[in-house]
């Protein structure tokens, strides 16, 4: 089981090298997948601003 509600997975995971992130959530009758690649570069860019 992933999350508190069976059949409705919710989780976030980070790649072993820290460069990519994937999240999954559910909303009513939909499943949302969110993927972020180049995470380290995004963090560096946000610090530079």
PDB file of N, CA and C in Angstrom:
ATOM      1  N   UNK A   1       0.851  -1.185   0.000  1.00  0.00           N
ATOM      2  CA  UNK A   1       0.000   0.000   0.000  1.00  0.00           C
ATOM      3  C   UNK A   1       0.892   1.242   0.000  1.00  0.00           C
ATOM      4  N   UNK A   2       0.561   2.181  -0.863  1.00  0.00           N
ATOM      5  CA  UNK A   2       1.285   3.446  -0.940  1.00  0.00           C
ATOM      6  C   UNK A   2       0.365   4.565  -0.488  1.00  0.00           C
ATOM      7  N   UNK A   3       0.507   4.992   0.735  1.00  0.00           N
ATOM      8  CA  UNK A   3      -0.349   6.028   1.273  1.00  0.00           C
ATOM      9  C   UNK A   3      -1.398   5.463   2.218  1.00  0.00           C
ATOM     10  N   UNK A   4      -2.228   6.358   2.731  1.00  0.00           N
ATOM     11  CA  UNK A   4      -3.236   5.981   3.724  1.00  0.00           C
ATOM     12  C   UNK A   4      -4.480   5.343   3.133  1.00  0.00           C
ATOM     13  N   UNK A   5      -4.742   5.595   1.863  1.00  0.00           N
ATOM     14  CA  UNK A   5      -5.980   5.119   1.251  1.00  0.00           C
ATOM     15  C   UNK A   5      -5.676   4.052   0.199  1.00  0.00           C
ATOM     16  N   UNK A   6      -6.117   2.826   0.382  1.00  0.00           N
ATOM     17  CA  UNK A   6      -5.882   1.763  -0.603  1.00  0.00           C
ATOM     18  C   UNK A   6      -6.427   2.152  -1.975  1.00  0.00           C
ATOM     19  N   UNK A   7      -5.640   1.888  -3.026  1.00  0.00           N
ATOM     20  CA  UNK A   7      -6.050   2.216  -4.385  1.00  0.00           C
ATOM     21  C   UNK A   7      -5.816   3.649  -4.779  1.00  0.00           C
ATOM     22  N   UNK A   8      -5.285   4.453  -3.868  1.00  0.00           N
ATOM     23  CA  UNK A   8      -5.008   5.860  -4.147  1.00  0.00           C
ATOM     24  C   UNK A   8      -3.575   6.179  -3.712  1.00  0.00           C
ATOM     25  N   UNK A   9      -2.587   5.804  -4.547  1.00  0.00           N
ATOM     26  CA  UNK A   9      -1.188   5.971  -4.148  1.00  0.00           C
ATOM     27  C   UNK A   9      -0.772   7.437  -4.050  1.00  0.00           C
ATOM     28  N   UNK A  10       0.083   7.727  -3.091  1.00  0.00           N
ATOM     29  CA  UNK A  10       0.680   9.049  -2.949  1.00  0.00           C
ATOM     30  C   UNK A  10       2.092   8.866  -2.420  1.00  0.00           C
ATOM     31  N   UNK A  11       3.061   9.348  -3.199  1.00  0.00           N
ATOM     32  CA  UNK A  11       4.444   9.281  -2.741  1.00  0.00           C
ATOM     33  C   UNK A  11       5.319  10.235  -3.535  1.00  0.00           C
ATOM     34  N   UNK A  12       6.492  10.508  -3.001  1.00  0.00           N
ATOM     35  CA  UNK A  12       7.535  11.284  -3.668  1.00  0.00           C
ATOM     36  C   UNK A  12       8.818  10.498  -3.511  1.00  0.00           C
ATOM     37  N   UNK A  13       9.607  10.405  -4.588  1.00  0.00           N
ATOM     38  CA  UNK A  13      10.876   9.693  -4.521  1.00  0.00           C
ATOM     39  C   UNK A  13      11.947  10.477  -5.264  1.00  0.00           C
ATOM     40  N   UNK A  14      13.163  10.356  -4.798  1.00  0.00           N
ATOM     41  CA  UNK A  14      14.312  11.056  -5.364  1.00  0.00           C
ATOM     42  C   UNK A  14      15.288  10.031  -5.907  1.00  0.00           C
ATOM     43  N   UNK A  15      15.882  10.315  -7.073  1.00  0.00           N
ATOM     44  CA  UNK A  15      16.870   9.392  -7.633  1.00  0.00           C
ATOM     45  C   UNK A  15      18.085   9.318  -6.726  1.00  0.00           C
ATOM     46  N   UNK A  16      18.842   8.247  -6.849  1.00  0.00           N
ATOM     47  CA  UNK A  16      20.001   8.054  -5.974  1.00  0.00           C
ATOM     48  C   UNK A  16      21.059   9.126  -6.160  1.00  0.00           C
ATOM     49  N   UNK A  17      21.151   9.713  -7.347  1.00  0.00           N
ATOM     50  CA  UNK A  17      22.143  10.776  -7.552  1.00  0.00           C
ATOM     51  C   UNK A  17      21.588  12.162  -7.256  1.00  0.00           C
ATOM     52  N   UNK A  18      20.305  12.251  -6.875  1.00  0.00           N
ATOM     53  CA  UNK A  18      19.694  13.526  -6.511  1.00  0.00           C
ATOM     54  C   UNK A  18      19.326  14.391  -7.697  1.00  0.00           C
ATOM     55  N   UNK A  19      19.383  13.852  -8.899  1.00  0.00           N
ATOM     56  CA  UNK A  19      19.137  14.655 -10.096  1.00  0.00           C
ATOM     57  C   UNK A  19      17.707  14.655 -10.593  1.00  0.00           C
ATOM     58  N   UNK A  20      16.871  13.750 -10.101  1.00  0.00           N
ATOM     59  CA  UNK A  20      15.488  13.675 -10.584  1.00  0.00           C
ATOM     60  C   UNK A  20      14.553  13.333  -9.432  1.00  0.00           C
ATOM     61  N   UNK A  21      13.333  13.817  -9.553  1.00  0.00           N
ATOM     62  CA  UNK A  21      12.328  13.610  -8.523  1.00  0.00           C
ATOM     63  C   UNK A  21      11.027  13.195  -9.205  1.00  0.00           C
ATOM     64  N   UNK A  22      10.308  12.241  -8.614  1.00  0.00           N
ATOM     65  CA  UNK A  22       9.012  11.805  -9.127  1.00  0.00           C
ATOM     66  C   UNK A  22       8.016  11.799  -7.976  1.00  0.00           C
ATOM     67  N   UNK A  23       6.845  12.346  -8.225  1.00  0.00           N
ATOM     68  CA  UNK A  23       5.779  12.348  -7.242  1.00  0.00           C
ATOM     69  C   UNK A  23       4.499  11.821  -7.855  1.00  0.00           C
ATOM     70  N   UNK A  24       3.677  11.156  -7.057  1.00  0.00           N
ATOM     71  CA  UNK A  24       2.392  10.621  -7.507  1.00  0.00           C
ATOM     72  C   UNK A  24       1.339  11.005  -6.478  1.00  0.00           C
ATOM     73  N   UNK A  25       0.198  11.453  -6.964  1.00  0.00           N
ATOM     74  CA  UNK A  25      -0.921  11.751  -6.094  1.00  0.00           C
ATOM     75  C   UNK A  25      -2.219  11.439  -6.830  1.00  0.00           C
ATOM     76  N   UNK A  26      -3.304  11.371  -6.110  1.00  0.00           N
ATOM     77  CA  UNK A  26      -4.608  11.095  -6.719  1.00  0.00           C
ATOM     78  C   UNK A  26      -5.562  12.221  -6.374  1.00  0.00           C
ATOM     79  N   UNK A  27      -6.524  12.417  -7.278  1.00  0.00           N
ATOM     80  CA  UNK A  27      -7.546  13.429  -7.060  1.00  0.00           C
ATOM     81  C   UNK A  27      -8.835  12.917  -7.679  1.00  0.00           C
ATOM     82  N   UNK A  28      -9.782  12.593  -6.882  1.00  0.00           N
ATOM     83  CA  UNK A  28     -11.067  12.042  -7.294  1.00  0.00           C
ATOM     84  C   UNK A  28     -10.867  10.846  -8.227  1.00  0.00           C
ATOM     85  N   UNK A  29     -11.015  11.016  -9.548  1.00  0.00           N
ATOM     86  CA  UNK A  29     -10.886   9.900 -10.481  1.00  0.00           C
ATOM     87  C   UNK A  29      -9.620   9.996 -11.330  1.00  0.00           C
ATOM     88  N   UNK A  30      -8.634  10.769 -10.901  1.00  0.00           N
ATOM     89  CA  UNK A  30      -7.409  10.983 -11.669  1.00  0.00           C
ATOM     90  C   UNK A  30      -6.188  10.608 -10.847  1.00  0.00           C
ATOM     91  N   UNK A  31      -5.139  10.202 -11.550  1.00  0.00           N
ATOM     92  CA  UNK A  31      -3.834   9.974 -10.935  1.00  0.00           C
ATOM     93  C   UNK A  31      -2.869  10.944 -11.587  1.00  0.00           C
ATOM     94  N   UNK A  32      -2.148  11.702 -10.771  1.00  0.00           N
ATOM     95  CA  UNK A  32      -1.196  12.697 -11.267  1.00  0.00           C
ATOM     96  C   UNK A  32       0.225  12.194 -11.048  1.00  0.00           C
ATOM     97  N   UNK A  33       1.032  12.240 -12.096  1.00  0.00           N
ATOM     98  CA  UNK A  33       2.463  11.926 -12.026  1.00  0.00           C
ATOM     99  C   UNK A  33       3.226  13.205 -12.307  1.00  0.00           C
ATOM    100  N   UNK A  34       4.134  13.551 -11.415  1.00  0.00           N
ATOM    101  CA  UNK A  34       4.951  14.745 -11.585  1.00  0.00           C
ATOM    102  C   UNK A  34       6.407  14.308 -11.599  1.00  0.00           C
ATOM    103  N   UNK A  35       7.129  14.660 -12.652  1.00  0.00           N
ATOM    104  CA  UNK A  35       8.544  14.304 -12.772  1.00  0.00           C
ATOM    105  C   UNK A  35       9.361  15.569 -12.997  1.00  0.00           C
ATOM    106  N   UNK A  36      10.456  15.692 -12.267  1.00  0.00           N
ATOM    107  CA  UNK A  36      11.359  16.830 -12.407  1.00  0.00           C
ATOM    108  C   UNK A  36      12.753  16.287 -12.668  1.00  0.00           C
ATOM    109  N   UNK A  37      13.320  16.654 -13.805  1.00  0.00           N
ATOM    110  CA  UNK A  37      14.672  16.249 -14.163  1.00  0.00           C
ATOM    111  C   UNK A  37      15.587  17.467 -14.036  1.00  0.00           C
ATOM    112  N   UNK A  38      16.867  17.249 -13.850  1.00  0.00           N
ATOM    113  CA  UNK A  38      17.798  18.359 -13.717  1.00  0.00           C
ATOM    114  C   UNK A  38      17.592  19.126 -12.427  1.00  0.00           C
ATOM    115  N   UNK A  39      17.261  18.418 -11.373  1.00  0.00           N
ATOM    116  CA  UNK A  39      16.932  19.039 -10.090  1.00  0.00           C
ATOM    117  C   UNK A  39      18.093  19.860  -9.527  1.00  0.00           C
ATOM    118  N   UNK A  40      19.295  19.348  -9.631  1.00  0.00           N
ATOM    119  CA  UNK A  40      20.452  20.079  -9.099  1.00  0.00           C
ATOM    120  C   UNK A  40      20.635  21.410  -9.812  1.00  0.00           C
ATOM    121  N   UNK A  41      20.480  21.431 -11.135  1.00  0.00           N
ATOM    122  CA  UNK A  41      20.616  22.668 -11.898  1.00  0.00           C
ATOM    123  C   UNK A  41      19.525  23.660 -11.522  1.00  0.00           C
ATOM    124  N   UNK A  42      18.315  23.170 -11.328  1.00  0.00           N
ATOM    125  CA  UNK A  42      17.209  24.048 -10.917  1.00  0.00           C
ATOM    126  C   UNK A  42      17.499  24.682  -9.553  1.00  0.00           C
ATOM    127  N   UNK A  43      18.062  23.895  -8.630  1.00  0.00           N
ATOM    128  CA  UNK A  43      18.380  24.425  -7.303  1.00  0.00           C
ATOM    129  C   UNK A  43      19.469  25.488  -7.399  1.00  0.00           C
ATOM    130  N   UNK A  44      20.492  25.231  -8.210  1.00  0.00           N
ATOM    131  CA  UNK A  44      21.561  26.224  -8.396  1.00  0.00           C
ATOM    132  C   UNK A  44      21.010  27.513  -8.995  1.00  0.00           C
ATOM    133  N   UNK A  45      20.126  27.401  -9.975  1.00  0.00           N
ATOM    134  CA  UNK A  45      19.537  28.582 -10.616  1.00  0.00           C
ATOM    135  C   UNK A  45      18.704  29.375  -9.622  1.00  0.00           C
ATOM    136  N   UNK A  46      17.960  28.714  -8.744  1.00  0.00           N
ATOM    137  CA  UNK A  46      17.137  29.429  -7.786  1.00  0.00           C
ATOM    138  C   UNK A  46      17.980  30.138  -6.726  1.00  0.00           C
ATOM    139  N   UNK A  47      19.138  29.577  -6.417  1.00  0.00           N
ATOM    140  CA  UNK A  47      20.033  30.244  -5.453  1.00  0.00           C
ATOM    141  C   UNK A  47      20.686  31.472  -6.059  1.00  0.00           C
ATOM    142  N   UNK A  48      20.890  31.466  -7.380  1.00  0.00           N
ATOM    143  CA  UNK A  48      21.564  32.571  -8.054  1.00  0.00           C
ATOM    144  C   UNK A  48      20.679  33.791  -8.199  1.00  0.00           C
ATOM    145  N   UNK A  49      19.380  33.617  -8.035  1.00  0.00           N
ATOM    146  CA  UNK A  49      18.430  34.733  -8.223  1.00  0.00           C
ATOM    147  C   UNK A  49      18.376  35.599  -7.005  1.00  0.00           C
TER     148      UNK A  49
END
